[in-house]
Amino acid sequence: MAKWTFITNHGLVLGYIARNPSSTARVIAQAVGITERTTHKIIAELAEAGYISRKKMGRKNQYQINPNLPLRHPSHGEVAVGDLLQLLAWKKVGSAKEQMKLPITIT
């Protein structure tokens, strides 16, 4: 039987960042099950598209998610990234306006 999942690597990386906003690419890669190089590429693509932003904290990055952007597929354009993360049991922080560029954390 072929291995497949409902969530793409981009979604898995985004979800991991939502729960662990100060993780390194190496840790994210190990948790998701992809290479570190692929993780760096996905993080760059998510940042370029505005879904995440990075802030340098010493030698590490602190990631923030913009939960208000819509999903990229045309059939789900009315669904925000924050809505997807909430559906997948990642904590939603306040209202959509309060969430703008705030890190999503799990307690």
Protein backbone atom coordinates (compact mmCIF):
# COMPACT_ATOMS: atom_id res chain seq x y z
CA MET A 1 0.00 0.00 0.00
CA ALA A 2 1.36 3.43 -0.96
CA LYS A 3 2.20 5.88 1.80
CA TRP A 4 0.36 9.17 1.60
CA THR A 5 -1.07 11.73 3.99
CA PHE A 6 -3.81 14.32 3.87
CA ILE A 7 -1.46 17.15 4.82
CA THR A 8 1.41 18.20 2.54
CA ASN A 9 4.93 18.85 3.78
CA HIS A 10 4.18 22.59 3.64
CA GLY A 11 1.22 22.06 5.95
CA LEU A 12 3.24 19.87 8.28
CA VAL A 13 6.05 22.42 8.51
CA LEU A 14 3.56 25.24 9.09
CA GLY A 15 1.80 23.22 11.79
CA TYR A 16 5.07 22.39 13.52
CA ILE A 17 6.09 26.05 13.46
CA ALA A 18 2.69 26.98 14.92
CA ARG A 19 3.36 24.74 17.91
CA ASN A 20 7.11 25.41 18.15
CA PRO A 21 7.86 28.91 16.81
CA SER A 22 11.51 28.92 17.88
CA SER A 23 12.49 25.51 16.48
CA THR A 24 15.43 25.12 14.16
CA ALA A 25 15.07 23.81 10.61
CA ARG A 26 16.91 20.67 11.70
CA VAL A 27 14.39 19.95 14.47
CA ILE A 28 11.46 20.72 12.18
CA ALA A 29 12.88 18.40 9.50
CA GLN A 30 13.30 15.55 11.97
CA ALA A 31 9.78 16.00 13.35
CA VAL A 32 8.15 16.16 9.92
CA GLY A 33 10.29 13.43 8.37
CA ILE A 34 11.88 15.40 5.55
CA THR A 35 15.39 16.62 4.86
CA GLU A 36 16.75 19.80 6.39
CA ARG A 37 17.34 21.17 2.89
CA THR A 38 13.67 20.60 1.99
CA THR A 39 12.63 22.24 5.25
CA HIS A 40 14.71 25.35 4.46
CA LYS A 41 13.07 25.50 1.01
CA ILE A 42 9.56 25.18 2.47
CA ILE A 43 10.26 27.83 5.12
CA ALA A 44 11.55 30.18 2.41
CA GLU A 45 8.44 29.57 0.28
CA LEU A 46 6.09 30.11 3.23
CA ALA A 47 7.94 33.34 4.11
CA GLU A 48 7.96 34.59 0.52
CA ALA A 49 4.21 34.02 0.29
CA GLY A 50 3.66 35.88 3.59
CA TYR A 51 2.37 32.91 5.61
CA ILE A 52 5.24 33.18 8.09
CA SER A 53 7.77 35.80 9.06
CA ARG A 54 11.14 35.30 10.70
CA LYS A 55 12.78 37.36 13.38
CA LYS A 56 16.39 36.67 14.28
CA MET A 57 16.86 35.96 17.99
CA GLY A 58 20.60 35.52 18.47
CA ARG A 59 21.57 32.57 16.29
CA LYS A 60 18.01 31.25 16.02
CA ASN A 61 14.88 32.36 14.22
CA GLN A 62 11.57 33.08 15.91
CA TYR A 63 8.74 32.37 13.47
CA GLN A 64 5.36 34.05 13.40
CA ILE A 65 2.37 32.87 11.41
CA ASN A 66 0.00 35.20 9.60
CA PRO A 67 -3.25 33.28 10.24
CA ASN A 68 -5.38 35.59 8.09
CA LEU A 69 -4.06 34.61 4.68
CA PRO A 70 -6.28 32.30 2.63
CA LEU A 71 -5.32 28.78 1.68
CA ARG A 72 -3.64 28.67 -1.71
CA HIS A 73 -5.91 26.25 -3.56
CA PRO A 74 -8.70 28.06 -5.48
CA SER A 75 -11.35 25.71 -4.10
CA HIS A 76 -10.50 26.76 -0.53
CA GLY A 77 -9.71 30.46 -0.96
CA GLU A 78 -12.32 31.48 1.61
CA VAL A 79 -10.58 29.44 4.33
CA ALA A 80 -7.82 31.15 6.30
CA VAL A 81 -4.62 29.40 7.38
CA GLY A 82 -5.56 30.07 11.01
CA ASP A 83 -8.85 28.21 10.46
CA LEU A 84 -6.94 25.20 9.13
CA LEU A 85 -4.55 25.25 12.08
CA GLN A 86 -7.48 25.46 14.49
CA LEU A 87 -9.20 22.51 12.79
CA LEU A 88 -6.02 20.51 13.19
CA ALA A 89 -6.05 21.25 16.94
CA TRP A 90 -3.42 23.97 16.99
CA LYS A 91 -4.46 26.74 19.37
CA LYS A 92 -6.01 29.85 17.89
CA VAL A 93 -5.00 33.07 19.67
CA GLY A 94 -7.81 35.63 20.03
CA SER A 95 -9.76 37.18 17.17
CA ALA A 96 -8.51 37.35 13.59
CA LYS A 97 -7.38 40.97 14.06
CA GLU A 98 -5.54 40.11 17.29
CA GLN A 99 -3.88 37.16 15.53
CA MET A 100 -2.34 39.25 12.75
CA LYS A 101 1.31 38.22 12.70
CA LEU A 102 1.25 36.89 16.25
CA PRO A 103 2.89 33.56 17.01
CA ILE A 104 0.47 30.70 17.55
CA THR A 105 1.45 28.72 20.60
CA ILE A 106 0.23 25.55 22.28
CA THR A 107 -0.04 25.42 26.05
